[in-house]
Amino acid sequence: MIVRLVKADDLNALVDLALGADRTMTSMPKSQEGMAKRVNKALASVAPDREVDGHEAYLFVLEEAGKLLGVSAIYAQVGLDRPFYNYKVSSISQVSPDLGVRVDTRIMHLVNDFSGHTVLGTLFLDPAGRGGGRGRLLSLSRFMFLATQRERFPERVLAEMRGFTDAEGGSDFWDAVGRRFFQLEFSDADIRSTSDVRFISDLFPTYPIYADLLPPEAQAVIGRPHPDAAPAAALLREQGLRNHDYVDIFDAGLCLDAFIDDVEIVRTIRRIRLAATPAEPAADSPLMLVADGELSSFAVTATQVTTLDDGTVALPAATLESTGWQPGADLAMANARRAVPLFETGR
């Protein structure tokens, strides 16, 4: 299995894949026209004559045995043409010596602090294809792209995790906050935000919200990921992304961010040369991410490797067959598992 940049002839397979996603997956349009817009933007973003300006959107697909099983994306920079909103959760402490009372209160401020950040998004894997390391490959391949195309991106990267919703797709946080200003269902507001944010600045409260005044069920989901998003959040934390007290304005889902150069894959990636012949690795060989880092042919796979005495790296014959990589090719390699402890910042 490999992860590669999307191609024009992937369109029909992507629409079929999107039909398996629920309605809250707003970045997966289910119509031919909507998906075509996404694919065309992604193709334009990697055009050889494009002048990189931060408006690029890169779309990746996971392919196995000729079938598309998953999709993920990178948005080069957000907040350039329209505001990009989040809540910053802070706290204030008030003390009354006369009463012997101390009160700690959470306050949520509407901010644009992530404007100009790269954003990871659109991570979806066909339920029938989950397991076998596919989700990890689909997610981590984006960091291989950031590392090999570093000049295309700014300093920081953000991932907004899907917040907790009930079985019907409703959000207790939205019901307590957003619905009071918009009279919209959560899913309708989330879908509308993908193409229009003016309604947010027009109607959303600009004054701080006292989180402790919200209903208990709304307070309980602030910063709580959806169960389906929890494994993805854990994987991003392995790579060094952290929550610095920001949440999504619609469902209060976690926002995880980091300096791109501090992401583990980005800072540990190394260039390698492919050996002249394949080699079957030892059973205890580490699992590595190996990538063709050229923009025109970008692709990533997870495989065990063998480092030879001359410094070249040999891959199994099956890996060479699935990727089409030739002897002597210049590739990039990083550990597919967390290699070393990271310095903790934030929480």
C-alpha atoms as a PDB file:
ATOM      1  CA  MET A   1       0.000   0.000   0.000  1.00  0.00           C
ATOM      2  CA  ILE A   2       1.151   3.506  -0.780  1.00  0.00           C
ATOM      3  CA  VAL A   3       0.001   7.063  -0.145  1.00  0.00           C
ATOM      4  CA  ARG A   4       0.398   9.383  -3.124  1.00  0.00           C
ATOM      5  CA  LEU A   5      -0.851  12.711  -4.428  1.00  0.00           C
ATOM      6  CA  VAL A   6      -4.282  12.604  -6.014  1.00  0.00           C
ATOM      7  CA  LYS A   7      -4.644  12.213  -9.797  1.00  0.00           C
ATOM      8  CA  ALA A   8      -7.437  13.383 -12.086  1.00  0.00           C
ATOM      9  CA  ASP A   9      -8.640   9.850 -12.739  1.00  0.00           C
ATOM     10  CA  ASP A  10      -9.157   9.255  -8.994  1.00  0.00           C
ATOM     11  CA  LEU A  11     -12.345  11.340  -9.059  1.00  0.00           C
ATOM     12  CA  ASN A  12     -14.947   8.583  -9.324  1.00  0.00           C
ATOM     13  CA  ALA A  13     -13.232   6.466  -6.670  1.00  0.00           C
ATOM     14  CA  LEU A  14     -13.092   9.466  -4.333  1.00  0.00           C
ATOM     15  CA  VAL A  15     -16.824  10.099  -4.729  1.00  0.00           C
ATOM     16  CA  ASP A  16     -17.488   6.447  -3.914  1.00  0.00           C
ATOM     17  CA  LEU A  17     -15.225   6.756  -0.867  1.00  0.00           C
ATOM     18  CA  ALA A  18     -17.000   9.922   0.287  1.00  0.00           C
ATOM     19  CA  LEU A  19     -20.360   8.138   0.235  1.00  0.00           C
ATOM     20  CA  GLY A  20     -19.080   6.043   3.144  1.00  0.00           C
ATOM     21  CA  ALA A  21     -18.371   9.106   5.297  1.00  0.00           C
ATOM     22  CA  ASP A  22     -21.016  10.540   7.602  1.00  0.00           C
ATOM     23  CA  ARG A  23     -22.596  13.961   7.112  1.00  0.00           C
ATOM     24  CA  THR A  24     -20.303  15.676   9.617  1.00  0.00           C
ATOM     25  CA  MET A  25     -17.286  14.931   7.377  1.00  0.00           C
ATOM     26  CA  THR A  26     -17.735  18.265   5.620  1.00  0.00           C
ATOM     27  CA  SER A  27     -14.424  18.108   3.762  1.00  0.00           C
ATOM     28  CA  MET A  28     -15.594  15.019   1.828  1.00  0.00           C
ATOM     29  CA  PRO A  29     -18.166  16.262  -0.719  1.00  0.00           C
ATOM     30  CA  LYS A  30     -20.411  13.476  -1.923  1.00  0.00           C
ATOM     31  CA  SER A  31     -21.270  14.993  -5.298  1.00  0.00           C
ATOM     32  CA  GLN A  32     -19.216  14.647  -8.474  1.00  0.00           C
ATOM     33  CA  GLU A  33     -19.130  18.421  -8.852  1.00  0.00           C
ATOM     34  CA  GLY A  34     -18.046  19.084  -5.268  1.00  0.00           C
ATOM     35  CA  MET A  35     -15.310  16.461  -5.322  1.00  0.00           C
ATOM     36  CA  ALA A  36     -14.101  17.665  -8.733  1.00  0.00           C
ATOM     37  CA  LYS A  37     -13.490  21.116  -7.244  1.00  0.00           C
ATOM     38  CA  ARG A  38     -11.339  19.583  -4.536  1.00  0.00           C
ATOM     39  CA  VAL A  39      -9.374  17.445  -6.983  1.00  0.00           C
ATOM     40  CA  ASN A  40      -8.850  20.318  -9.437  1.00  0.00           C
ATOM     41  CA  LYS A  41      -7.584  22.603  -6.682  1.00  0.00           C
ATOM     42  CA  ALA A  42      -5.167  19.903  -5.540  1.00  0.00           C
ATOM     43  CA  LEU A  43      -3.902  19.359  -9.085  1.00  0.00           C
ATOM     44  CA  ALA A  44      -3.430  23.098  -9.568  1.00  0.00           C
ATOM     45  CA  SER A  45      -1.507  23.274  -6.280  1.00  0.00           C
ATOM     46  CA  VAL A  46       1.235  20.987  -7.598  1.00  0.00           C
ATOM     47  CA  ALA A  47       1.344  22.310 -11.170  1.00  0.00           C
ATOM     48  CA  PRO A  48       4.978  22.785 -12.308  1.00  0.00           C
ATOM     49  CA  ASP A  49       4.450  26.447 -13.207  1.00  0.00           C
ATOM     50  CA  ARG A  50       2.575  27.404 -10.032  1.00  0.00           C
ATOM     51  CA  GLU A  51       3.917  30.278  -7.949  1.00  0.00           C
ATOM     52  CA  VAL A  52       3.471  29.114  -4.359  1.00  0.00           C
ATOM     53  CA  ASP A  53       1.387  31.652  -2.417  1.00  0.00           C
ATOM     54  CA  GLY A  54      -0.031  29.780   0.562  1.00  0.00           C
ATOM     55  CA  HIS A  55      -3.409  29.034  -1.016  1.00  0.00           C
ATOM     56  CA  GLU A  56      -2.422  25.489  -1.991  1.00  0.00           C
ATOM     57  CA  ALA A  57      -4.410  22.440  -0.915  1.00  0.00           C
ATOM     58  CA  TYR A  58      -2.693  19.061  -1.222  1.00  0.00           C
ATOM     59  CA  LEU A  59      -4.836  15.937  -1.440  1.00  0.00           C
ATOM     60  CA  PHE A  60      -3.447  12.459  -0.792  1.00  0.00           C
ATOM     61  CA  VAL A  61      -4.962   9.034  -1.380  1.00  0.00           C
ATOM     62  CA  LEU A  62      -4.103   5.643   0.072  1.00  0.00           C
ATOM     63  CA  GLU A  63      -4.019   3.001  -2.642  1.00  0.00           C
ATOM     64  CA  GLU A  64      -3.762  -0.728  -2.134  1.00  0.00           C
ATOM     65  CA  ALA A  65      -4.019  -3.375  -4.838  1.00  0.00           C
ATOM     66  CA  GLY A  66      -5.380  -0.756  -7.226  1.00  0.00           C
ATOM     67  CA  LYS A  67      -8.165   0.394  -4.887  1.00  0.00           C
ATOM     68  CA  LEU A  68      -8.483   3.733  -3.072  1.00  0.00           C
ATOM     69  CA  LEU A  69      -9.081   3.138   0.622  1.00  0.00           C
ATOM     70  CA  GLY A  70      -8.424   6.522   2.200  1.00  0.00           C
ATOM     71  CA  VAL A  71      -7.820  10.215   1.767  1.00  0.00           C
ATOM     72  CA  SER A  72      -6.057  12.986   3.692  1.00  0.00           C
ATOM     73  CA  ALA A  73      -5.093  16.582   3.024  1.00  0.00           C
ATOM     74  CA  ILE A  74      -2.833  19.504   3.859  1.00  0.00           C
ATOM     75  CA  TYR A  75      -3.975  23.111   3.544  1.00  0.00           C
ATOM     76  CA  ALA A  76      -0.866  25.235   3.077  1.00  0.00           C
ATOM     77  CA  GLN A  77      -2.072  28.290   5.012  1.00  0.00           C
ATOM     78  CA  VAL A  78      -5.407  29.292   6.494  1.00  0.00           C
ATOM     79  CA  GLY A  79      -6.756  32.725   7.317  1.00  0.00           C
ATOM     80  CA  LEU A  80      -5.237  34.474   4.288  1.00  0.00           C
ATOM     81  CA  ASP A  81      -8.460  35.539   2.560  1.00  0.00           C
ATOM     82  CA  ARG A  82     -11.030  35.024   5.289  1.00  0.00           C
ATOM     83  CA  PRO A  83     -10.837  34.820   9.089  1.00  0.00           C
ATOM     84  CA  PHE A  84      -9.996  31.480  10.681  1.00  0.00           C
ATOM     85  CA  TYR A  85     -11.705  31.276  14.054  1.00  0.00           C
ATOM     86  CA  ASN A  86     -11.078  29.274  17.211  1.00  0.00           C
ATOM     87  CA  TYR A  87     -11.768  29.640  20.900  1.00  0.00           C
ATOM     88  CA  LYS A  88      -8.867  30.275  23.253  1.00  0.00           C
ATOM     89  CA  VAL A  89      -9.692  28.808  26.655  1.00  0.00           C
ATOM     90  CA  SER A  90      -8.133  30.724  29.531  1.00  0.00           C
ATOM     91  CA  SER A  91      -8.877  31.025  33.214  1.00  0.00           C
ATOM     92  CA  ILE A  92      -9.220  33.768  35.776  1.00  0.00           C
ATOM     93  CA  SER A  93      -9.009  33.448  39.532  1.00  0.00           C
ATOM     94  CA  GLN A  94     -10.916  35.670  41.921  1.00  0.00           C
ATOM     95  CA  VAL A  95     -10.475  35.690  45.690  1.00  0.00           C
ATOM     96  CA  SER A  96     -12.526  37.255  48.457  1.00  0.00           C
ATOM     97  CA  PRO A  97     -10.434  37.297  51.679  1.00  0.00           C
ATOM     98  CA  ASP A  98     -13.451  38.452  53.657  1.00  0.00           C
ATOM     99  CA  LEU A  99     -15.509  35.434  52.617  1.00  0.00           C
ATOM    100  CA  GLY A 100     -12.557  33.045  52.359  1.00  0.00           C
ATOM    101  CA  VAL A 101     -13.649  32.120  48.843  1.00  0.00           C
ATOM    102  CA  ARG A 102     -11.573  31.539  45.716  1.00  0.00           C
ATOM    103  CA  VAL A 103     -13.264  31.082  42.342  1.00  0.00           C
ATOM    104  CA  ASP A 104     -11.467  29.754  39.238  1.00  0.00           C
ATOM    105  CA  THR A 105     -13.401  30.336  36.028  1.00  0.00           C
ATOM    106  CA  ARG A 106     -12.791  29.189  32.440  1.00  0.00           C
ATOM    107  CA  ILE A 107     -13.321  31.860  29.803  1.00  0.00           C
ATOM    108  CA  MET A 108     -13.479  31.303  26.041  1.00  0.00           C
ATOM    109  CA  HIS A 109     -12.281  34.071  23.712  1.00  0.00           C
ATOM    110  CA  LEU A 110     -12.999  34.136  19.963  1.00  0.00           C
ATOM    111  CA  VAL A 111      -9.563  34.484  18.274  1.00  0.00           C
ATOM    112  CA  ASN A 112      -7.727  34.254  14.941  1.00  0.00           C
ATOM    113  CA  ASP A 113      -4.456  33.006  16.446  1.00  0.00           C
ATOM    114  CA  PHE A 114      -3.927  30.269  13.842  1.00  0.00           C
ATOM    115  CA  SER A 115      -4.073  32.523  10.795  1.00  0.00           C
ATOM    116  CA  GLY A 116      -1.158  31.681   8.513  1.00  0.00           C
ATOM    117  CA  HIS A 117      -0.728  28.144   9.888  1.00  0.00           C
ATOM    118  CA  THR A 118      -0.589  24.988   7.802  1.00  0.00           C
ATOM    119  CA  VAL A 119      -3.577  22.764   8.610  1.00  0.00           C
ATOM    120  CA  LEU A 120      -3.841  18.979   8.454  1.00  0.00           C
ATOM    121  CA  GLY A 121      -7.306  17.787   7.479  1.00  0.00           C
ATOM    122  CA  THR A 122      -9.661  15.426   5.656  1.00  0.00           C
ATOM    123  CA  LEU A 123      -8.381  12.226   7.240  1.00  0.00           C
ATOM    124  CA  PHE A 124     -10.775   9.467   6.231  1.00  0.00           C
ATOM    125  CA  LEU A 125     -10.281   5.744   5.815  1.00  0.00           C
ATOM    126  CA  ASP A 126     -12.826   3.330   4.388  1.00  0.00           C
ATOM    127  CA  PRO A 127     -14.218   1.433   7.414  1.00  0.00           C
ATOM    128  CA  ALA A 128     -13.622  -1.827   5.557  1.00  0.00           C
ATOM    129  CA  GLY A 129      -9.930  -0.958   5.245  1.00  0.00           C
ATOM    130  CA  ARG A 130      -9.209   0.055   8.824  1.00  0.00           C
ATOM    131  CA  GLY A 131      -6.416  -1.727  10.644  1.00  0.00           C
ATOM    132  CA  GLY A 132      -3.127  -3.046   9.340  1.00  0.00           C
ATOM    133  CA  GLY A 133      -1.355   0.284   9.826  1.00  0.00           C
ATOM    134  CA  ARG A 134      -3.283   1.992   7.039  1.00  0.00           C
ATOM    135  CA  GLY A 135      -4.536   4.857   9.182  1.00  0.00           C
ATOM    136  CA  ARG A 136      -1.059   5.517  10.568  1.00  0.00           C
ATOM    137  CA  LEU A 137       0.440   5.571   7.073  1.00  0.00           C
ATOM    138  CA  LEU A 138      -2.298   7.859   5.772  1.00  0.00           C
ATOM    139  CA  SER A 139      -1.778  10.330   8.611  1.00  0.00           C
ATOM    140  CA  LEU A 140       2.021  10.285   8.886  1.00  0.00           C
ATOM    141  CA  SER A 141       2.566  10.540   5.129  1.00  0.00           C
ATOM    142  CA  ARG A 142       1.533  14.196   5.418  1.00  0.00           C
ATOM    143  CA  PHE A 143       4.549  14.869   7.628  1.00  0.00           C
ATOM    144  CA  MET A 144       6.767  13.224   5.013  1.00  0.00           C
ATOM    145  CA  PHE A 145       5.347  15.709   2.517  1.00  0.00           C
ATOM    146  CA  LEU A 146       5.963  18.635   4.890  1.00  0.00           C
ATOM    147  CA  ALA A 147       9.534  17.438   5.383  1.00  0.00           C
ATOM    148  CA  THR A 148      10.398  16.882   1.722  1.00  0.00           C
ATOM    149  CA  GLN A 149       8.599  20.044   0.526  1.00  0.00           C
ATOM    150  CA  ARG A 150       9.541  22.199   3.504  1.00  0.00           C
ATOM    151  CA  GLU A 151       9.919  25.430   1.495  1.00  0.00           C
ATOM    152  CA  ARG A 152       6.211  25.379   0.635  1.00  0.00           C
ATOM    153  CA  PHE A 153       5.049  25.794   4.225  1.00  0.00           C
ATOM    154  CA  PRO A 154       5.231  28.336   7.074  1.00  0.00           C
ATOM    155  CA  GLU A 155       6.541  27.791  10.604  1.00  0.00           C
ATOM    156  CA  ARG A 156       3.613  26.093  12.315  1.00  0.00           C
ATOM    157  CA  VAL A 157       1.136  23.289  11.685  1.00  0.00           C
ATOM    158  CA  LEU A 158      -2.341  22.802  13.158  1.00  0.00           C
ATOM    159  CA  ALA A 159      -4.768  19.892  13.342  1.00  0.00           C
ATOM    160  CA  GLU A 160      -8.373  20.441  14.423  1.00  0.00           C
ATOM    161  CA  MET A 161      -9.701  17.230  15.899  1.00  0.00           C
ATOM    162  CA  ARG A 162     -13.345  16.286  15.502  1.00  0.00           C
ATOM    163  CA  GLY A 163     -15.185  17.114  18.710  1.00  0.00           C
ATOM    164  CA  PHE A 164     -17.533  14.868  20.628  1.00  0.00           C
ATOM    165  CA  THR A 165     -20.984  14.399  19.096  1.00  0.00           C
ATOM    166  CA  ASP A 166     -23.842  12.088  19.979  1.00  0.00           C
ATOM    167  CA  ALA A 167     -25.131   9.133  17.965  1.00  0.00           C
ATOM    168  CA  GLU A 168     -27.351  11.433  15.889  1.00  0.00           C
ATOM    169  CA  GLY A 169     -24.464  13.806  15.112  1.00  0.00           C
ATOM    170  CA  GLY A 170     -25.604  16.490  17.547  1.00  0.00           C
ATOM    171  CA  SER A 171     -23.216  18.566  19.668  1.00  0.00           C
ATOM    172  CA  ASP A 172     -24.007  19.571  23.248  1.00  0.00           C
ATOM    173  CA  PHE A 173     -21.547  22.438  22.959  1.00  0.00           C
ATOM    174  CA  TRP A 174     -23.200  23.756  19.796  1.00  0.00           C
ATOM    175  CA  ASP A 175     -26.633  23.481  21.372  1.00  0.00           C
ATOM    176  CA  ALA A 176     -25.470  25.550  24.350  1.00  0.00           C
ATOM    177  CA  VAL A 177     -23.603  28.236  22.390  1.00  0.00           C
ATOM    178  CA  GLY A 178     -23.863  28.356  18.604  1.00  0.00           C
ATOM    179  CA  ARG A 179     -27.511  27.468  18.231  1.00  0.00           C
ATOM    180  CA  ARG A 180     -28.498  30.444  20.403  1.00  0.00           C
ATOM    181  CA  PHE A 181     -27.025  32.843  17.830  1.00  0.00           C
ATOM    182  CA  PHE A 182     -27.600  31.057  14.517  1.00  0.00           C
ATOM    183  CA  GLN A 183     -30.790  28.963  14.789  1.00  0.00           C
ATOM    184  CA  LEU A 184     -28.996  26.299  12.735  1.00  0.00           C
ATOM    185  CA  GLU A 185     -28.419  22.617  13.318  1.00  0.00           C
ATOM    186  CA  PHE A 186     -24.803  21.797  14.161  1.00  0.00           C
ATOM    187  CA  SER A 187     -24.193  19.872  10.927  1.00  0.00           C
ATOM    188  CA  ASP A 188     -25.726  22.653   8.821  1.00  0.00           C
ATOM    189  CA  ALA A 189     -23.527  25.314  10.417  1.00  0.00           C
ATOM    190  CA  ASP A 190     -20.420  23.134  10.061  1.00  0.00           C
ATOM    191  CA  ILE A 191     -21.108  22.529   6.366  1.00  0.00           C
ATOM    192  CA  ARG A 192     -21.808  26.216   5.733  1.00  0.00           C
ATOM    193  CA  SER A 193     -18.516  27.226   7.383  1.00  0.00           C
ATOM    194  CA  THR A 194     -16.533  25.403   4.682  1.00  0.00           C
ATOM    195  CA  SER A 195     -17.567  27.979   2.090  1.00  0.00           C
ATOM    196  CA  ASP A 196     -18.661  31.040   4.073  1.00  0.00           C
ATOM    197  CA  VAL A 197     -17.383  32.425   7.371  1.00  0.00           C
ATOM    198  CA  ARG A 198     -18.998  35.836   7.237  1.00  0.00           C
ATOM    199  CA  PHE A 199     -22.000  34.507   9.162  1.00  0.00           C
ATOM    200  CA  ILE A 200     -19.583  33.708  12.007  1.00  0.00           C
ATOM    201  CA  SER A 201     -18.262  37.253  12.289  1.00  0.00           C
ATOM    202  CA  ASP A 202     -21.784  38.644  11.778  1.00  0.00           C
ATOM    203  CA  LEU A 203     -23.526  36.597  14.458  1.00  0.00           C
ATOM    204  CA  PHE A 204     -21.048  34.865  16.753  1.00  0.00           C
ATOM    205  CA  PRO A 205     -20.588  36.489  20.185  1.00  0.00           C
ATOM    206  CA  THR A 206     -17.399  38.560  20.274  1.00  0.00           C
ATOM    207  CA  TYR A 207     -17.464  38.943  24.048  1.00  0.00           C
ATOM    208  CA  PRO A 208     -15.847  36.200  26.152  1.00  0.00           C
ATOM    209  CA  ILE A 209     -18.009  33.230  27.093  1.00  0.00           C
ATOM    210  CA  TYR A 210     -17.900  32.017  30.694  1.00  0.00           C
ATOM    211  CA  ALA A 211     -17.629  28.285  30.136  1.00  0.00           C
ATOM    212  CA  ASP A 212     -18.639  27.519  33.699  1.00  0.00           C
ATOM    213  CA  LEU A 213     -22.054  29.056  33.051  1.00  0.00           C
ATOM    214  CA  LEU A 214     -22.795  26.547  30.283  1.00  0.00           C
ATOM    215  CA  PRO A 215     -24.864  23.403  30.980  1.00  0.00           C
ATOM    216  CA  PRO A 216     -22.775  20.593  32.503  1.00  0.00           C
ATOM    217  CA  GLU A 217     -23.100  18.433  29.378  1.00  0.00           C
ATOM    218  CA  ALA A 218     -21.665  21.263  27.243  1.00  0.00           C
ATOM    219  CA  GLN A 219     -18.797  21.861  29.665  1.00  0.00           C
ATOM    220  CA  ALA A 220     -17.963  18.146  29.631  1.00  0.00           C
ATOM    221  CA  VAL A 221     -17.210  18.042  25.886  1.00  0.00           C
ATOM    222  CA  ILE A 222     -14.893  21.077  25.721  1.00  0.00           C
ATOM    223  CA  GLY A 223     -11.628  19.662  24.375  1.00  0.00           C
ATOM    224  CA  ARG A 224     -13.030  16.113  24.245  1.00  0.00           C
ATOM    225  CA  PRO A 225     -12.331  14.365  20.934  1.00  0.00           C
ATOM    226  CA  HIS A 226     -14.880  12.207  19.178  1.00  0.00           C
ATOM    227  CA  PRO A 227     -14.137   8.512  19.861  1.00  0.00           C
ATOM    228  CA  ASP A 228     -13.331   8.035  16.162  1.00  0.00           C
ATOM    229  CA  ALA A 229     -10.805  10.896  16.352  1.00  0.00           C
ATOM    230  CA  ALA A 230      -9.067   9.805  19.557  1.00  0.00           C
ATOM    231  CA  PRO A 231      -6.554   7.461  17.825  1.00  0.00           C
ATOM    232  CA  ALA A 232      -5.648  10.200  15.320  1.00  0.00           C
ATOM    233  CA  ALA A 233      -5.119  12.655  18.171  1.00  0.00           C
ATOM    234  CA  ALA A 234      -2.842  10.191  19.958  1.00  0.00           C
ATOM    235  CA  LEU A 235      -0.823   9.700  16.767  1.00  0.00           C
ATOM    236  CA  LEU A 236      -0.346  13.451  16.340  1.00  0.00           C
ATOM    237  CA  ARG A 237       0.744  13.758  19.956  1.00  0.00           C
ATOM    238  CA  GLU A 238       3.398  11.117  19.252  1.00  0.00           C
ATOM    239  CA  GLN A 239       4.774  13.455  16.605  1.00  0.00           C
ATOM    240  CA  GLY A 240       4.936  16.371  19.033  1.00  0.00           C
ATOM    241  CA  LEU A 241       1.709  18.269  18.401  1.00  0.00           C
ATOM    242  CA  ARG A 242       0.141  19.625  21.571  1.00  0.00           C
ATOM    243  CA  ASN A 243      -3.014  21.357  22.703  1.00  0.00           C
ATOM    244  CA  HIS A 244      -2.375  24.884  23.939  1.00  0.00           C
ATOM    245  CA  ASP A 245      -5.893  25.541  25.197  1.00  0.00           C
ATOM    246  CA  TYR A 246      -7.575  26.137  21.846  1.00  0.00           C
ATOM    247  CA  VAL A 247     -10.777  24.445  20.687  1.00  0.00           C
ATOM    248  CA  ASP A 248     -13.038  24.480  17.648  1.00  0.00           C
ATOM    249  CA  ILE A 249     -15.849  27.043  17.690  1.00  0.00           C
ATOM    250  CA  PHE A 250     -18.543  24.594  16.600  1.00  0.00           C
ATOM    251  CA  ASP A 251     -18.005  21.389  18.585  1.00  0.00           C
ATOM    252  CA  ALA A 252     -15.189  22.461  20.982  1.00  0.00           C
ATOM    253  CA  GLY A 253     -12.882  19.784  19.557  1.00  0.00           C
ATOM    254  CA  LEU A 254      -9.180  19.845  20.394  1.00  0.00           C
ATOM    255  CA  CYS A 255      -6.750  21.949  18.376  1.00  0.00           C
ATOM    256  CA  LEU A 256      -3.249  20.434  18.278  1.00  0.00           C
ATOM    257  CA  ASP A 257      -0.317  22.438  16.922  1.00  0.00           C
ATOM    258  CA  ALA A 258       3.466  22.559  16.726  1.00  0.00           C
ATOM    259  CA  PHE A 259       6.360  24.183  14.949  1.00  0.00           C
ATOM    260  CA  ILE A 260       6.804  22.138  11.779  1.00  0.00           C
ATOM    261  CA  ASP A 261      10.543  21.793  12.327  1.00  0.00           C
ATOM    262  CA  ASP A 262       9.862  20.271  15.766  1.00  0.00           C
ATOM    263  CA  VAL A 263       7.593  17.515  14.417  1.00  0.00           C
ATOM    264  CA  GLU A 264       9.471  14.266  14.942  1.00  0.00           C
ATOM    265  CA  ILE A 265       9.332  13.019  11.348  1.00  0.00           C
ATOM    266  CA  VAL A 266      10.380  16.410   9.985  1.00  0.00           C
ATOM    267  CA  ARG A 267      13.396  16.730  12.246  1.00  0.00           C
ATOM    268  CA  THR A 268      14.563  13.105  11.938  1.00  0.00           C
ATOM    269  CA  ILE A 269      13.980  12.431   8.244  1.00  0.00           C
ATOM    270  CA  ARG A 270      17.083  11.525   6.242  1.00  0.00           C
ATOM    271  CA  ARG A 271      17.931  11.121   2.605  1.00  0.00           C
ATOM    272  CA  ILE A 272      18.813   7.659   1.338  1.00  0.00           C
ATOM    273  CA  ARG A 273      19.815   6.003  -1.925  1.00  0.00           C
ATOM    274  CA  LEU A 274      18.088   2.843  -3.054  1.00  0.00           C
ATOM    275  CA  ALA A 275      20.336  -0.195  -3.365  1.00  0.00           C
ATOM    276  CA  ALA A 276      20.904  -1.935  -6.672  1.00  0.00           C
ATOM    277  CA  THR A 277      19.044  -5.078  -5.649  1.00  0.00           C
ATOM    278  CA  PRO A 278      16.170  -5.861  -3.274  1.00  0.00           C
ATOM    279  CA  ALA A 279      16.713  -7.571   0.059  1.00  0.00           C
ATOM    280  CA  GLU A 280      14.351  -9.230   2.477  1.00  0.00           C
ATOM    281  CA  PRO A 281      14.786  -7.602   5.907  1.00  0.00           C
ATOM    282  CA  ALA A 282      15.495  -9.347   9.172  1.00  0.00           C
ATOM    283  CA  ALA A 283      12.446 -10.090  11.271  1.00  0.00           C
ATOM    284  CA  ASP A 284      13.413  -7.476  13.858  1.00  0.00           C
ATOM    285  CA  SER A 285      14.066  -4.692  11.354  1.00  0.00           C
ATOM    286  CA  PRO A 286      12.253  -1.445  12.294  1.00  0.00           C
ATOM    287  CA  LEU A 287       9.264  -0.314  10.294  1.00  0.00           C
ATOM    288  CA  MET A 288      10.171   2.806   8.314  1.00  0.00           C
ATOM    289  CA  LEU A 289       8.375   5.351   6.194  1.00  0.00           C
ATOM    290  CA  VAL A 290      10.077   5.624   2.812  1.00  0.00           C
ATOM    291  CA  ALA A 291       9.155   8.327   0.322  1.00  0.00           C
ATOM    292  CA  ASP A 292       9.862   9.574  -3.140  1.00  0.00           C
ATOM    293  CA  GLY A 293      10.026  13.217  -2.124  1.00  0.00           C
ATOM    294  CA  GLU A 294       9.838  14.729  -5.600  1.00  0.00           C
ATOM    295  CA  LEU A 295       6.700  16.817  -5.997  1.00  0.00           C
ATOM    296  CA  SER A 296       5.771  15.316  -9.365  1.00  0.00           C
ATOM    297  CA  SER A 297       6.017  11.726  -8.122  1.00  0.00           C
ATOM    298  CA  PHE A 298       5.494  12.008  -4.358  1.00  0.00           C
ATOM    299  CA  ALA A 299       4.563   8.694  -2.738  1.00  0.00           C
ATOM    300  CA  VAL A 300       5.073   7.098   0.678  1.00  0.00           C
ATOM    301  CA  THR A 301       4.996   3.516   1.877  1.00  0.00           C
ATOM    302  CA  ALA A 302       5.686   1.779   5.185  1.00  0.00           C
ATOM    303  CA  THR A 303       8.225  -1.010   4.968  1.00  0.00           C
ATOM    304  CA  GLN A 304      11.094  -2.728   6.711  1.00  0.00           C
ATOM    305  CA  VAL A 305      14.498  -1.873   5.284  1.00  0.00           C
ATOM    306  CA  THR A 306      18.031  -3.215   5.142  1.00  0.00           C
ATOM    307  CA  THR A 307      20.981  -0.820   5.312  1.00  0.00           C
ATOM    308  CA  LEU A 308      23.952  -2.201   3.368  1.00  0.00           C
ATOM    309  CA  ASP A 309      27.667  -1.729   4.004  1.00  0.00           C
ATOM    310  CA  ASP A 310      27.939   0.858   1.220  1.00  0.00           C
ATOM    311  CA  GLY A 311      25.304   3.035   2.907  1.00  0.00           C
ATOM    312  CA  THR A 312      22.542   2.316   0.424  1.00  0.00           C
ATOM    313  CA  VAL A 313      19.189   0.999   1.605  1.00  0.00           C
ATOM    314  CA  ALA A 314      17.609  -2.156   0.200  1.00  0.00           C
ATOM    315  CA  LEU A 315      13.863  -2.677   0.185  1.00  0.00           C
ATOM    316  CA  PRO A 316      11.861  -5.895  -0.130  1.00  0.00           C
ATOM    317  CA  ALA A 317      11.003  -6.964  -3.669  1.00  0.00           C
ATOM    318  CA  ALA A 318       7.274  -6.580  -2.957  1.00  0.00           C
ATOM    319  CA  THR A 319       7.794  -2.954  -1.941  1.00  0.00           C
ATOM    320  CA  LEU A 320       9.733  -2.203  -5.116  1.00  0.00           C
ATOM    321  CA  GLU A 321       7.011  -3.828  -7.174  1.00  0.00           C
ATOM    322  CA  SER A 322       4.227  -1.779  -5.583  1.00  0.00           C
ATOM    323  CA  THR A 323       6.091   1.545  -5.786  1.00  0.00           C
ATOM    324  CA  GLY A 324       7.967   1.146  -9.065  1.00  0.00           C
ATOM    325  CA  TRP A 325      11.103   2.661  -7.516  1.00  0.00           C
ATOM    326  CA  GLN A 326      14.299   1.923  -9.418  1.00  0.00           C
ATOM    327  CA  PRO A 327      17.828   1.109  -8.156  1.00  0.00           C
ATOM    328  CA  GLY A 328      19.829   4.220  -7.340  1.00  0.00           C
ATOM    329  CA  ALA A 329      16.733   6.338  -6.679  1.00  0.00           C
ATOM    330  CA  ASP A 330      17.123   9.159  -4.163  1.00  0.00           C
ATOM    331  CA  LEU A 331      14.490   8.683  -1.464  1.00  0.00           C
ATOM    332  CA  ALA A 332      13.715   9.909   2.059  1.00  0.00           C
ATOM    333  CA  MET A 333      13.232   7.805   5.174  1.00  0.00           C
ATOM    334  CA  ALA A 334      11.879   8.293   8.694  1.00  0.00           C
ATOM    335  CA  ASN A 335      10.797   6.048  11.536  1.00  0.00           C
ATOM    336  CA  ALA A 336       7.187   4.912  11.289  1.00  0.00           C
ATOM    337  CA  ARG A 337       7.002   4.540  15.053  1.00  0.00           C
ATOM    338  CA  ARG A 338       7.895   7.057  17.708  1.00  0.00           C
ATOM    339  CA  ALA A 339      11.681   6.951  17.848  1.00  0.00           C
ATOM    340  CA  VAL A 340      12.676   9.019  20.903  1.00  0.00           C
ATOM    341  CA  PRO A 341      10.934  10.876  23.758  1.00  0.00           C
ATOM    342  CA  LEU A 342      10.012  14.444  22.936  1.00  0.00           C
ATOM    343  CA  PHE A 343      10.280  17.479  25.161  1.00  0.00           C
ATOM    344  CA  GLU A 344       6.794  18.215  26.434  1.00  0.00           C
ATOM    345  CA  THR A 345       5.389  21.692  25.801  1.00  0.00           C
ATOM    346  CA  GLY A 346       1.938  22.725  26.862  1.00  0.00           C
ATOM    347  CA  ARG A 347      -0.375  19.956  27.909  1.00  0.00           C
END
